[in-house]
Amino acid sequence: MDTQDPRPTIGFDIGGTNLRAGVVDAAGRVLNSSSTPTPRSAEELEDAIVDLAREVGEGFSVGAIGLAIAGFLDPECETVRFAPHLPWRDTPVRSRLAERLDVPVRLEHDANSAAWGEYRFGAGQGAGTWVLFAVGTGIGATLMIDGEFYRGAFGTAPEFGHLTVVPGPGGRLCSCGKKGCLERYASGTALVDTARELAGRYPTAALARDIATGGDVTGTTVMEDAGRGDPLARAVINDFADWLGVGLSFVADVLDPELIVLGGGVAGDAALFLERASEGMAQTMVGAGHRPRPRLATAQLGGRAGMIGVADLARFSIH
């Protein structure tokens, strides 16, 4: 890659739940940030991106803008082909927003963006062959080899979140259109589904009472309840950890990386589940006990990794 421009850039993390933006300097520091709920229509989403860019960028000489997108991009990162949690379908997002924002715009997959942030400023520094496994609303993954993304022939690799782990009609319906995908059992949103399924086994648990009375139950509240020792929440987290271990064993078997960095919204609560997931990976990966297993680490940049990473990548778009 070419030498980076030192001016601040804006990084957007565009997820299915929230749209977040931050002004980031060349050292990866977030100078200003803001967020808003992700709109449901493409027009409203693009309007919100323009408005948020103006809001956070006021007072800064912004050189470029990067968009970390939870979806499939073409290999040139010009078009959003499909995004399960977003309204774009075969949309030339980069050119449309570059015209409206009047600065260079870079698109990148959200997991790739977070991986770049961790590679430049966080847990992936110095790693050769490594994987970011991002668990949030869904599951995203990135393979990096010697500082380069592996994208596959058509720009969609790797997609571990949509591997089928529960075949047949009994699998949970996924937003991608399939049933039984890994992310329907090992993601932030999956925690709520599992809690509802298991609630009848723990009728006296506080979380079960919340579910029964229509309380506001989210992946975050399930994690919080687990941290307080709620028996239903703990059972949910154990189920989540077991499925996560399955996913990590897929990563180890298919890609054989030296390092797997767990990122995404759930990484901050890794103390609740990572040891169990790690043991699950160690027991189910091919050749268990007779081969090195990947080192596991948690992301260091937290929920801002995608924002920081895509802002850093955007600097290479400035000419």
C-alpha atoms as a PDB file:
ATOM      1  CA  MET A   1       0.000   0.000   0.000  1.00  0.00           C
ATOM      2  CA  ASP A   2       1.007   3.601  -0.542  1.00  0.00           C
ATOM      3  CA  THR A   3       2.028   6.040   2.171  1.00  0.00           C
ATOM      4  CA  GLN A   4      -0.904   7.259   4.231  1.00  0.00           C
ATOM      5  CA  ASP A   5      -2.153  10.828   4.297  1.00  0.00           C
ATOM      6  CA  PRO A   6      -1.803  12.219   7.855  1.00  0.00           C
ATOM      7  CA  ARG A   7      -5.136  14.078   7.905  1.00  0.00           C
ATOM      8  CA  PRO A   8      -7.974  12.787  10.093  1.00  0.00           C
ATOM      9  CA  THR A   9     -10.480  10.518   8.407  1.00  0.00           C
ATOM     10  CA  ILE A  10     -13.967   9.397   9.363  1.00  0.00           C
ATOM     11  CA  GLY A  11     -14.761   5.755   9.917  1.00  0.00           C
ATOM     12  CA  PHE A  12     -18.324   4.395   9.882  1.00  0.00           C
ATOM     13  CA  ASP A  13     -19.345   1.111  11.471  1.00  0.00           C
ATOM     14  CA  ILE A  14     -22.622   0.247   9.751  1.00  0.00           C
ATOM     15  CA  GLY A  15     -24.316  -2.602  11.553  1.00  0.00           C
ATOM     16  CA  GLY A  16     -27.829  -3.947  11.542  1.00  0.00           C
ATOM     17  CA  THR A  17     -28.660  -2.199  14.821  1.00  0.00           C
ATOM     18  CA  ASN A  18     -26.534   0.938  15.034  1.00  0.00           C
ATOM     19  CA  LEU A  19     -24.804   3.364  12.689  1.00  0.00           C
ATOM     20  CA  ARG A  20     -21.659   4.747  14.337  1.00  0.00           C
ATOM     21  CA  ALA A  21     -19.106   7.236  13.082  1.00  0.00           C
ATOM     22  CA  GLY A  22     -15.833   8.579  14.419  1.00  0.00           C
ATOM     23  CA  VAL A  23     -13.067  10.957  13.389  1.00  0.00           C
ATOM     24  CA  VAL A  24      -9.793   9.019  13.634  1.00  0.00           C
ATOM     25  CA  ASP A  25      -6.223  10.296  13.471  1.00  0.00           C
ATOM     26  CA  ALA A  26      -3.245   8.525  11.886  1.00  0.00           C
ATOM     27  CA  ALA A  27      -2.342   6.864  15.210  1.00  0.00           C
ATOM     28  CA  GLY A  28      -5.743   5.210  15.488  1.00  0.00           C
ATOM     29  CA  ARG A  29      -7.133   7.571  18.115  1.00  0.00           C
ATOM     30  CA  VAL A  30     -10.815   8.479  17.966  1.00  0.00           C
ATOM     31  CA  LEU A  31     -11.093  12.264  18.190  1.00  0.00           C
ATOM     32  CA  ASN A  32     -14.873  12.578  18.009  1.00  0.00           C
ATOM     33  CA  SER A  33     -17.744  10.124  17.601  1.00  0.00           C
ATOM     34  CA  SER A  34     -21.509   9.781  17.462  1.00  0.00           C
ATOM     35  CA  SER A  35     -24.136   7.158  16.666  1.00  0.00           C
ATOM     36  CA  THR A  36     -27.753   6.693  15.644  1.00  0.00           C
ATOM     37  CA  PRO A  37     -30.054   3.701  15.069  1.00  0.00           C
ATOM     38  CA  THR A  38     -29.593   2.169  11.613  1.00  0.00           C
ATOM     39  CA  PRO A  39     -32.438   3.266   9.283  1.00  0.00           C
ATOM     40  CA  ARG A  40     -34.435   0.594   7.469  1.00  0.00           C
ATOM     41  CA  SER A  41     -34.477   1.986   3.906  1.00  0.00           C
ATOM     42  CA  ALA A  42     -31.498   2.583   1.605  1.00  0.00           C
ATOM     43  CA  GLU A  43     -32.387   6.238   1.065  1.00  0.00           C
ATOM     44  CA  GLU A  44     -32.733   6.932   4.769  1.00  0.00           C
ATOM     45  CA  LEU A  45     -29.501   5.066   5.505  1.00  0.00           C
ATOM     46  CA  GLU A  46     -27.521   7.126   2.994  1.00  0.00           C
ATOM     47  CA  ASP A  47     -29.068  10.341   4.322  1.00  0.00           C
ATOM     48  CA  ALA A  48     -28.092   9.333   7.857  1.00  0.00           C
ATOM     49  CA  ILE A  49     -24.487   8.632   6.786  1.00  0.00           C
ATOM     50  CA  VAL A  50     -24.206  12.075   5.182  1.00  0.00           C
ATOM     51  CA  ASP A  51     -25.726  13.798   8.223  1.00  0.00           C
ATOM     52  CA  LEU A  52     -23.552  11.907  10.709  1.00  0.00           C
ATOM     53  CA  ALA A  53     -20.396  12.595   8.680  1.00  0.00           C
ATOM     54  CA  ARG A  54     -21.133  16.323   8.819  1.00  0.00           C
ATOM     55  CA  GLU A  55     -21.886  16.161  12.528  1.00  0.00           C
ATOM     56  CA  VAL A  56     -18.740  14.361  13.681  1.00  0.00           C
ATOM     57  CA  GLY A  57     -16.477  15.990  11.082  1.00  0.00           C
ATOM     58  CA  GLU A  58     -17.297  19.577  11.991  1.00  0.00           C
ATOM     59  CA  GLY A  59     -14.096  21.431  12.820  1.00  0.00           C
ATOM     60  CA  PHE A  60     -11.802  18.779  11.283  1.00  0.00           C
ATOM     61  CA  SER A  61     -10.040  18.766   7.909  1.00  0.00           C
ATOM     62  CA  VAL A  62     -11.313  15.320   6.909  1.00  0.00           C
ATOM     63  CA  GLY A  63      -9.348  13.684   4.094  1.00  0.00           C
ATOM     64  CA  ALA A  64     -11.533  10.629   3.394  1.00  0.00           C
ATOM     65  CA  ILE A  65     -14.367   8.512   4.743  1.00  0.00           C
ATOM     66  CA  GLY A  66     -14.457   4.752   5.233  1.00  0.00           C
ATOM     67  CA  LEU A  67     -17.547   2.587   5.613  1.00  0.00           C
ATOM     68  CA  ALA A  68     -17.328  -0.736   7.449  1.00  0.00           C
ATOM     69  CA  ILE A  69     -20.342  -2.684   6.171  1.00  0.00           C
ATOM     70  CA  ALA A  70     -21.920  -5.850   7.535  1.00  0.00           C
ATOM     71  CA  GLY A  71     -22.531  -7.413   4.129  1.00  0.00           C
ATOM     72  CA  PHE A  72     -21.111  -8.841   0.913  1.00  0.00           C
ATOM     73  CA  LEU A  73     -19.105  -6.512  -1.325  1.00  0.00           C
ATOM     74  CA  ASP A  74     -17.812  -6.998  -4.845  1.00  0.00           C
ATOM     75  CA  PRO A  75     -14.038  -7.682  -5.069  1.00  0.00           C
ATOM     76  CA  GLU A  76     -13.342  -4.025  -5.939  1.00  0.00           C
ATOM     77  CA  CYS A  77     -15.295  -2.819  -2.880  1.00  0.00           C
ATOM     78  CA  GLU A  78     -17.518  -0.590  -4.983  1.00  0.00           C
ATOM     79  CA  THR A  79     -20.902  -2.300  -4.616  1.00  0.00           C
ATOM     80  CA  VAL A  80     -22.816  -3.766  -1.707  1.00  0.00           C
ATOM     81  CA  ARG A  81     -24.193  -6.956  -3.198  1.00  0.00           C
ATOM     82  CA  PHE A  82     -26.167  -8.183  -0.222  1.00  0.00           C
ATOM     83  CA  ALA A  83     -26.333  -7.307   3.462  1.00  0.00           C
ATOM     84  CA  PRO A  84     -28.581  -9.508   5.619  1.00  0.00           C
ATOM     85  CA  HIS A  85     -29.219  -6.765   8.183  1.00  0.00           C
ATOM     86  CA  LEU A  86     -29.084  -3.728   5.841  1.00  0.00           C
ATOM     87  CA  PRO A  87     -31.331  -2.486   2.966  1.00  0.00           C
ATOM     88  CA  TRP A  88     -28.703  -2.317   0.182  1.00  0.00           C
ATOM     89  CA  ARG A  89     -29.009  -4.857  -2.662  1.00  0.00           C
ATOM     90  CA  ASP A  90     -26.542  -4.666  -5.591  1.00  0.00           C
ATOM     91  CA  THR A  91     -26.087  -0.978  -4.805  1.00  0.00           C
ATOM     92  CA  PRO A  92     -23.086   1.140  -5.972  1.00  0.00           C
ATOM     93  CA  VAL A  93     -22.699   2.602  -2.515  1.00  0.00           C
ATOM     94  CA  ARG A  94     -19.147   3.911  -2.837  1.00  0.00           C
ATOM     95  CA  SER A  95     -19.790   6.163  -5.859  1.00  0.00           C
ATOM     96  CA  ARG A  96     -23.161   7.352  -4.563  1.00  0.00           C
ATOM     97  CA  LEU A  97     -21.752   8.452  -1.235  1.00  0.00           C
ATOM     98  CA  ALA A  98     -18.513   9.843  -2.679  1.00  0.00           C
ATOM     99  CA  GLU A  99     -20.595  12.166  -4.834  1.00  0.00           C
ATOM    100  CA  ARG A 100     -22.644  13.365  -1.870  1.00  0.00           C
ATOM    101  CA  LEU A 101     -19.777  13.627   0.621  1.00  0.00           C
ATOM    102  CA  ASP A 102     -17.283  15.205  -1.801  1.00  0.00           C
ATOM    103  CA  VAL A 103     -14.290  13.289  -0.388  1.00  0.00           C
ATOM    104  CA  PRO A 104     -12.806   9.895  -1.285  1.00  0.00           C
ATOM    105  CA  VAL A 105     -14.870   7.021   0.113  1.00  0.00           C
ATOM    106  CA  ARG A 106     -13.622   3.509   0.903  1.00  0.00           C
ATOM    107  CA  LEU A 107     -15.934   0.538   1.440  1.00  0.00           C
ATOM    108  CA  GLU A 108     -14.841  -2.532   3.359  1.00  0.00           C
ATOM    109  CA  HIS A 109     -16.474  -5.508   5.015  1.00  0.00           C
ATOM    110  CA  ASP A 110     -17.024  -4.812   8.707  1.00  0.00           C
ATOM    111  CA  ALA A 111     -14.992  -7.799   9.875  1.00  0.00           C
ATOM    112  CA  ASN A 112     -12.132  -6.863   7.530  1.00  0.00           C
ATOM    113  CA  SER A 113     -12.249  -3.325   8.870  1.00  0.00           C
ATOM    114  CA  ALA A 114     -12.058  -4.521  12.466  1.00  0.00           C
ATOM    115  CA  ALA A 115      -9.262  -6.910  11.532  1.00  0.00           C
ATOM    116  CA  TRP A 116      -7.278  -4.086   9.964  1.00  0.00           C
ATOM    117  CA  GLY A 117      -7.730  -2.005  13.110  1.00  0.00           C
ATOM    118  CA  GLU A 118      -6.487  -4.861  15.280  1.00  0.00           C
ATOM    119  CA  TYR A 119      -3.613  -5.585  12.882  1.00  0.00           C
ATOM    120  CA  ARG A 120      -2.446  -1.975  12.893  1.00  0.00           C
ATOM    121  CA  PHE A 121      -3.154  -0.975  16.485  1.00  0.00           C
ATOM    122  CA  GLY A 122      -4.355  -3.960  18.529  1.00  0.00           C
ATOM    123  CA  ALA A 123      -4.244  -7.695  19.156  1.00  0.00           C
ATOM    124  CA  GLY A 124      -3.205  -8.691  15.613  1.00  0.00           C
ATOM    125  CA  GLN A 125       0.021  -6.697  15.498  1.00  0.00           C
ATOM    126  CA  GLY A 126       2.905  -8.796  14.199  1.00  0.00           C
ATOM    127  CA  ALA A 127       0.751 -11.844  13.321  1.00  0.00           C
ATOM    128  CA  GLY A 128       1.365 -13.614  10.004  1.00  0.00           C
ATOM    129  CA  THR A 129      -1.582 -15.941   9.387  1.00  0.00           C
ATOM    130  CA  TRP A 130      -4.452 -15.052  11.681  1.00  0.00           C
ATOM    131  CA  VAL A 131      -8.235 -14.749  11.856  1.00  0.00           C
ATOM    132  CA  LEU A 132     -10.541 -12.188  13.370  1.00  0.00           C
ATOM    133  CA  PHE A 133     -13.757 -13.920  14.455  1.00  0.00           C
ATOM    134  CA  ALA A 134     -16.241 -11.141  15.147  1.00  0.00           C
ATOM    135  CA  VAL A 135     -19.384 -11.932  17.112  1.00  0.00           C
ATOM    136  CA  GLY A 136     -22.063  -9.262  17.388  1.00  0.00           C
ATOM    137  CA  THR A 137     -25.517  -9.018  15.817  1.00  0.00           C
ATOM    138  CA  GLY A 138     -24.231 -11.799  13.563  1.00  0.00           C
ATOM    139  CA  ILE A 139     -20.851 -13.414  12.912  1.00  0.00           C
ATOM    140  CA  GLY A 140     -18.161 -12.057  10.638  1.00  0.00           C
ATOM    141  CA  ALA A 141     -14.667 -13.362   9.983  1.00  0.00           C
ATOM    142  CA  THR A 142     -11.477 -12.222   8.308  1.00  0.00           C
ATOM    143  CA  LEU A 143      -8.383 -14.126   7.274  1.00  0.00           C
ATOM    144  CA  MET A 144      -5.228 -12.039   7.038  1.00  0.00           C
ATOM    145  CA  ILE A 145      -1.989 -13.391   5.592  1.00  0.00           C
ATOM    146  CA  ASP A 146       1.123 -11.229   5.921  1.00  0.00           C
ATOM    147  CA  GLY A 147      -0.894  -8.027   6.119  1.00  0.00           C
ATOM    148  CA  GLU A 148      -3.271  -8.786   3.239  1.00  0.00           C
ATOM    149  CA  PHE A 149      -6.932  -9.779   3.289  1.00  0.00           C
ATOM    150  CA  TYR A 150      -7.910 -13.103   1.794  1.00  0.00           C
ATOM    151  CA  ARG A 151     -11.192 -12.361  -0.009  1.00  0.00           C
ATOM    152  CA  GLY A 152     -11.776 -15.456  -2.160  1.00  0.00           C
ATOM    153  CA  ALA A 153     -12.550 -15.388  -5.866  1.00  0.00           C
ATOM    154  CA  PHE A 154     -15.692 -13.260  -5.536  1.00  0.00           C
ATOM    155  CA  GLY A 155     -14.971 -11.178  -2.454  1.00  0.00           C
ATOM    156  CA  THR A 156     -17.097 -12.979   0.152  1.00  0.00           C
ATOM    157  CA  ALA A 157     -14.653 -15.228   2.027  1.00  0.00           C
ATOM    158  CA  PRO A 158     -14.686 -16.346   4.765  1.00  0.00           C
ATOM    159  CA  GLU A 159     -18.334 -16.656   5.902  1.00  0.00           C
ATOM    160  CA  PHE A 160     -18.281 -18.935   8.930  1.00  0.00           C
ATOM    161  CA  GLY A 161     -21.422 -17.375  10.367  1.00  0.00           C
ATOM    162  CA  HIS A 162     -23.574 -18.890   7.650  1.00  0.00           C
ATOM    163  CA  LEU A 163     -22.280 -22.443   7.796  1.00  0.00           C
ATOM    164  CA  THR A 164     -25.173 -24.768   8.632  1.00  0.00           C
ATOM    165  CA  VAL A 165     -24.761 -26.348  12.056  1.00  0.00           C
ATOM    166  CA  VAL A 166     -28.368 -27.506  12.586  1.00  0.00           C
ATOM    167  CA  PRO A 167     -29.528 -29.113   9.339  1.00  0.00           C
ATOM    168  CA  GLY A 168     -33.138 -29.731   8.400  1.00  0.00           C
ATOM    169  CA  PRO A 169     -36.364 -27.871   9.142  1.00  0.00           C
ATOM    170  CA  GLY A 170     -35.643 -27.617  12.875  1.00  0.00           C
ATOM    171  CA  GLY A 171     -32.857 -25.085  12.442  1.00  0.00           C
ATOM    172  CA  ARG A 172     -33.495 -21.475  13.390  1.00  0.00           C
ATOM    173  CA  LEU A 173     -34.333 -19.207  10.472  1.00  0.00           C
ATOM    174  CA  CYS A 174     -31.457 -16.871   9.592  1.00  0.00           C
ATOM    175  CA  SER A 175     -31.749 -13.407   8.036  1.00  0.00           C
ATOM    176  CA  CYS A 176     -29.662 -14.708   5.111  1.00  0.00           C
ATOM    177  CA  GLY A 177     -32.599 -16.949   4.121  1.00  0.00           C
ATOM    178  CA  LYS A 178     -31.103 -20.247   5.267  1.00  0.00           C
ATOM    179  CA  LYS A 179     -31.888 -22.242   8.400  1.00  0.00           C
ATOM    180  CA  GLY A 180     -29.560 -23.513  11.082  1.00  0.00           C
ATOM    181  CA  CYS A 181     -26.673 -21.079  10.484  1.00  0.00           C
ATOM    182  CA  LEU A 182     -23.955 -20.852  13.135  1.00  0.00           C
ATOM    183  CA  GLU A 183     -24.757 -17.219  13.859  1.00  0.00           C
ATOM    184  CA  ARG A 184     -28.280 -18.201  14.888  1.00  0.00           C
ATOM    185  CA  TYR A 185     -26.724 -20.053  17.834  1.00  0.00           C
ATOM    186  CA  ALA A 186     -23.509 -18.142  18.597  1.00  0.00           C
ATOM    187  CA  SER A 187     -24.217 -14.426  18.255  1.00  0.00           C
ATOM    188  CA  GLY A 188     -25.546 -11.589  20.368  1.00  0.00           C
ATOM    189  CA  THR A 189     -29.046 -11.912  18.918  1.00  0.00           C
ATOM    190  CA  ALA A 190     -28.965 -15.705  19.346  1.00  0.00           C
ATOM    191  CA  LEU A 191     -28.658 -15.244  23.108  1.00  0.00           C
ATOM    192  CA  VAL A 192     -32.231 -13.983  23.282  1.00  0.00           C
ATOM    193  CA  ASP A 193     -33.608 -16.882  21.228  1.00  0.00           C
ATOM    194  CA  THR A 194     -31.789 -19.395  23.411  1.00  0.00           C
ATOM    195  CA  ALA A 195     -33.035 -17.677  26.579  1.00  0.00           C
ATOM    196  CA  ARG A 196     -36.626 -17.955  25.364  1.00  0.00           C
ATOM    197  CA  GLU A 197     -36.142 -21.618  24.463  1.00  0.00           C
ATOM    198  CA  LEU A 198     -34.636 -22.509  27.854  1.00  0.00           C
ATOM    199  CA  ALA A 199     -36.783 -20.268  30.068  1.00  0.00           C
ATOM    200  CA  GLY A 200     -39.234 -23.073  30.943  1.00  0.00           C
ATOM    201  CA  ARG A 201     -36.446 -25.045  32.606  1.00  0.00           C
ATOM    202  CA  TYR A 202     -35.652 -22.201  35.020  1.00  0.00           C
ATOM    203  CA  PRO A 203     -39.047 -20.720  35.983  1.00  0.00           C
ATOM    204  CA  THR A 204     -37.772 -18.992  39.124  1.00  0.00           C
ATOM    205  CA  ALA A 205     -34.811 -17.275  37.447  1.00  0.00           C
ATOM    206  CA  ALA A 206     -35.007 -13.498  37.167  1.00  0.00           C
ATOM    207  CA  LEU A 207     -34.333 -13.679  33.434  1.00  0.00           C
ATOM    208  CA  ALA A 208     -37.204 -16.157  33.000  1.00  0.00           C
ATOM    209  CA  ARG A 209     -39.531 -13.765  34.833  1.00  0.00           C
ATOM    210  CA  ASP A 210     -38.426 -10.928  32.568  1.00  0.00           C
ATOM    211  CA  ILE A 211     -39.226 -13.031  29.516  1.00  0.00           C
ATOM    212  CA  ALA A 212     -42.611 -14.079  30.916  1.00  0.00           C
ATOM    213  CA  THR A 213     -43.622 -10.492  31.706  1.00  0.00           C
ATOM    214  CA  GLY A 214     -42.470  -9.045  28.377  1.00  0.00           C
ATOM    215  CA  GLY A 215     -39.420  -7.299  29.777  1.00  0.00           C
ATOM    216  CA  ASP A 216     -36.711  -5.804  27.581  1.00  0.00           C
ATOM    217  CA  VAL A 217     -34.484  -8.844  27.051  1.00  0.00           C
ATOM    218  CA  THR A 218     -31.433  -8.334  24.820  1.00  0.00           C
ATOM    219  CA  GLY A 219     -28.093 -10.021  24.322  1.00  0.00           C
ATOM    220  CA  THR A 220     -26.588  -7.370  26.586  1.00  0.00           C
ATOM    221  CA  THR A 221     -29.053  -8.002  29.414  1.00  0.00           C
ATOM    222  CA  VAL A 222     -28.515 -11.768  29.128  1.00  0.00           C
ATOM    223  CA  MET A 223     -24.764 -11.209  29.538  1.00  0.00           C
ATOM    224  CA  GLU A 224     -25.386  -8.914  32.506  1.00  0.00           C
ATOM    225  CA  ASP A 225     -27.679 -11.460  34.152  1.00  0.00           C
ATOM    226  CA  ALA A 226     -25.082 -14.179  33.591  1.00  0.00           C
ATOM    227  CA  GLY A 227     -22.477 -12.011  35.278  1.00  0.00           C
ATOM    228  CA  ARG A 228     -24.788 -11.796  38.298  1.00  0.00           C
ATOM    229  CA  GLY A 229     -25.164 -15.585  38.376  1.00  0.00           C
ATOM    230  CA  ASP A 230     -28.721 -15.920  37.072  1.00  0.00           C
ATOM    231  CA  PRO A 231     -29.124 -19.679  36.402  1.00  0.00           C
ATOM    232  CA  LEU A 232     -31.034 -19.274  33.130  1.00  0.00           C
ATOM    233  CA  ALA A 233     -28.555 -16.717  31.828  1.00  0.00           C
ATOM    234  CA  ARG A 234     -25.651 -18.967  32.783  1.00  0.00           C
ATOM    235  CA  ALA A 235     -27.242 -21.866  30.888  1.00  0.00           C
ATOM    236  CA  VAL A 236     -27.686 -19.601  27.867  1.00  0.00           C
ATOM    237  CA  ILE A 237     -24.047 -18.520  27.987  1.00  0.00           C
ATOM    238  CA  ASN A 238     -22.880 -22.125  28.270  1.00  0.00           C
ATOM    239  CA  ASP A 239     -24.932 -23.055  25.203  1.00  0.00           C
ATOM    240  CA  PHE A 240     -23.503 -20.036  23.371  1.00  0.00           C
ATOM    241  CA  ALA A 241     -19.951 -21.040  24.383  1.00  0.00           C
ATOM    242  CA  ASP A 242     -20.455 -24.581  23.121  1.00  0.00           C
ATOM    243  CA  TRP A 243     -21.616 -23.337  19.712  1.00  0.00           C
ATOM    244  CA  LEU A 244     -18.804 -20.798  19.615  1.00  0.00           C
ATOM    245  CA  GLY A 245     -16.362 -23.639  20.250  1.00  0.00           C
ATOM    246  CA  VAL A 246     -17.803 -25.415  17.212  1.00  0.00           C
ATOM    247  CA  GLY A 247     -17.285 -22.288  15.128  1.00  0.00           C
ATOM    248  CA  LEU A 248     -13.710 -21.854  16.313  1.00  0.00           C
ATOM    249  CA  SER A 249     -12.949 -25.488  15.471  1.00  0.00           C
ATOM    250  CA  PHE A 250     -14.185 -24.797  11.919  1.00  0.00           C
ATOM    251  CA  VAL A 251     -11.713 -21.926  11.736  1.00  0.00           C
ATOM    252  CA  ALA A 252      -8.867 -24.093  13.017  1.00  0.00           C
ATOM    253  CA  ASP A 253      -9.668 -26.975  10.657  1.00  0.00           C
ATOM    254  CA  VAL A 254     -10.184 -24.925   7.495  1.00  0.00           C
ATOM    255  CA  LEU A 255      -7.588 -22.177   7.874  1.00  0.00           C
ATOM    256  CA  ASP A 256      -5.041 -23.436  10.457  1.00  0.00           C
ATOM    257  CA  PRO A 257      -4.146 -19.939  11.745  1.00  0.00           C
ATOM    258  CA  GLU A 258      -1.560 -19.154  14.373  1.00  0.00           C
ATOM    259  CA  LEU A 259      -3.944 -16.735  16.113  1.00  0.00           C
ATOM    260  CA  ILE A 260      -7.712 -16.233  16.405  1.00  0.00           C
ATOM    261  CA  VAL A 261      -8.811 -12.872  17.769  1.00  0.00           C
ATOM    262  CA  LEU A 262     -12.350 -12.782  19.124  1.00  0.00           C
ATOM    263  CA  GLY A 263     -13.946  -9.431  18.399  1.00  0.00           C
ATOM    264  CA  GLY A 264     -17.392  -7.914  18.029  1.00  0.00           C
ATOM    265  CA  GLY A 265     -19.891  -6.784  20.607  1.00  0.00           C
ATOM    266  CA  VAL A 266     -19.627  -9.864  22.820  1.00  0.00           C
ATOM    267  CA  ALA A 267     -15.837  -9.760  23.198  1.00  0.00           C
ATOM    268  CA  GLY A 268     -16.074  -7.490  26.234  1.00  0.00           C
ATOM    269  CA  ASP A 269     -17.779 -10.306  28.137  1.00  0.00           C
ATOM    270  CA  ALA A 270     -15.290 -12.980  27.067  1.00  0.00           C
ATOM    271  CA  ALA A 271     -14.512 -13.875  30.706  1.00  0.00           C
ATOM    272  CA  LEU A 272     -17.972 -15.465  30.867  1.00  0.00           C
ATOM    273  CA  PHE A 273     -17.498 -17.902  27.991  1.00  0.00           C
ATOM    274  CA  LEU A 274     -14.085 -17.898  26.283  1.00  0.00           C
ATOM    275  CA  GLU A 275     -12.467 -20.616  28.396  1.00  0.00           C
ATOM    276  CA  ARG A 276     -15.363 -23.001  27.726  1.00  0.00           C
ATOM    277  CA  ALA A 277     -15.372 -22.122  24.015  1.00  0.00           C
ATOM    278  CA  SER A 278     -11.606 -22.615  23.821  1.00  0.00           C
ATOM    279  CA  GLU A 279     -11.887 -26.067  25.377  1.00  0.00           C
ATOM    280  CA  GLY A 280     -14.675 -26.901  22.964  1.00  0.00           C
ATOM    281  CA  MET A 281     -12.454 -25.927  20.054  1.00  0.00           C
ATOM    282  CA  ALA A 282      -9.549 -27.948  21.418  1.00  0.00           C
ATOM    283  CA  GLN A 283     -11.691 -31.079  21.785  1.00  0.00           C
ATOM    284  CA  THR A 284     -13.467 -30.938  18.404  1.00  0.00           C
ATOM    285  CA  MET A 285     -10.801 -29.727  15.975  1.00  0.00           C
ATOM    286  CA  VAL A 286      -9.378 -32.385  13.686  1.00  0.00           C
ATOM    287  CA  GLY A 287      -6.293 -34.031  15.185  1.00  0.00           C
ATOM    288  CA  ALA A 288      -7.137 -32.761  18.662  1.00  0.00           C
ATOM    289  CA  GLY A 289      -4.232 -33.411  20.999  1.00  0.00           C
ATOM    290  CA  HIS A 290      -1.806 -34.128  18.176  1.00  0.00           C
ATOM    291  CA  ARG A 291      -1.362 -30.701  16.565  1.00  0.00           C
ATOM    292  CA  PRO A 292      -0.788 -27.132  17.720  1.00  0.00           C
ATOM    293  CA  ARG A 293      -3.961 -25.250  18.336  1.00  0.00           C
ATOM    294  CA  PRO A 294      -4.404 -21.572  17.512  1.00  0.00           C
ATOM    295  CA  ARG A 295      -3.740 -19.043  20.199  1.00  0.00           C
ATOM    296  CA  LEU A 296      -6.917 -17.225  21.258  1.00  0.00           C
ATOM    297  CA  ALA A 297      -7.003 -13.568  22.180  1.00  0.00           C
ATOM    298  CA  THR A 298      -9.667 -10.920  22.567  1.00  0.00           C
ATOM    299  CA  ALA A 299      -9.731  -7.770  20.484  1.00  0.00           C
ATOM    300  CA  GLN A 300      -8.052  -4.781  22.092  1.00  0.00           C
ATOM    301  CA  LEU A 301      -9.939  -2.005  20.314  1.00  0.00           C
ATOM    302  CA  GLY A 302     -13.371  -3.100  21.499  1.00  0.00           C
ATOM    303  CA  GLY A 303     -16.434  -1.956  19.634  1.00  0.00           C
ATOM    304  CA  ARG A 304     -14.448   0.745  17.855  1.00  0.00           C
ATOM    305  CA  ALA A 305     -12.195  -1.646  15.920  1.00  0.00           C
ATOM    306  CA  GLY A 306     -14.212  -1.466  12.687  1.00  0.00           C
ATOM    307  CA  MET A 307     -14.505   2.293  12.834  1.00  0.00           C
ATOM    308  CA  ILE A 308     -10.779   2.737  13.481  1.00  0.00           C
ATOM    309  CA  GLY A 309      -9.748   0.155  10.909  1.00  0.00           C
ATOM    310  CA  VAL A 310     -11.843   1.467   8.024  1.00  0.00           C
ATOM    311  CA  ALA A 311     -10.847   5.043   8.797  1.00  0.00           C
ATOM    312  CA  ASP A 312      -7.203   3.947   8.584  1.00  0.00           C
ATOM    313  CA  LEU A 313      -7.870   2.122   5.302  1.00  0.00           C
ATOM    314  CA  ALA A 314      -9.610   5.199   3.912  1.00  0.00           C
ATOM    315  CA  ARG A 315      -6.357   7.149   4.156  1.00  0.00           C
ATOM    316  CA  PHE A 316      -5.001   5.073   1.301  1.00  0.00           C
ATOM    317  CA  SER A 317      -7.815   6.445  -0.887  1.00  0.00           C
ATOM    318  CA  ILE A 318      -6.567  10.028  -0.638  1.00  0.00           C
ATOM    319  CA  HIS A 319      -4.702  11.214  -3.719  1.00  0.00           C
END
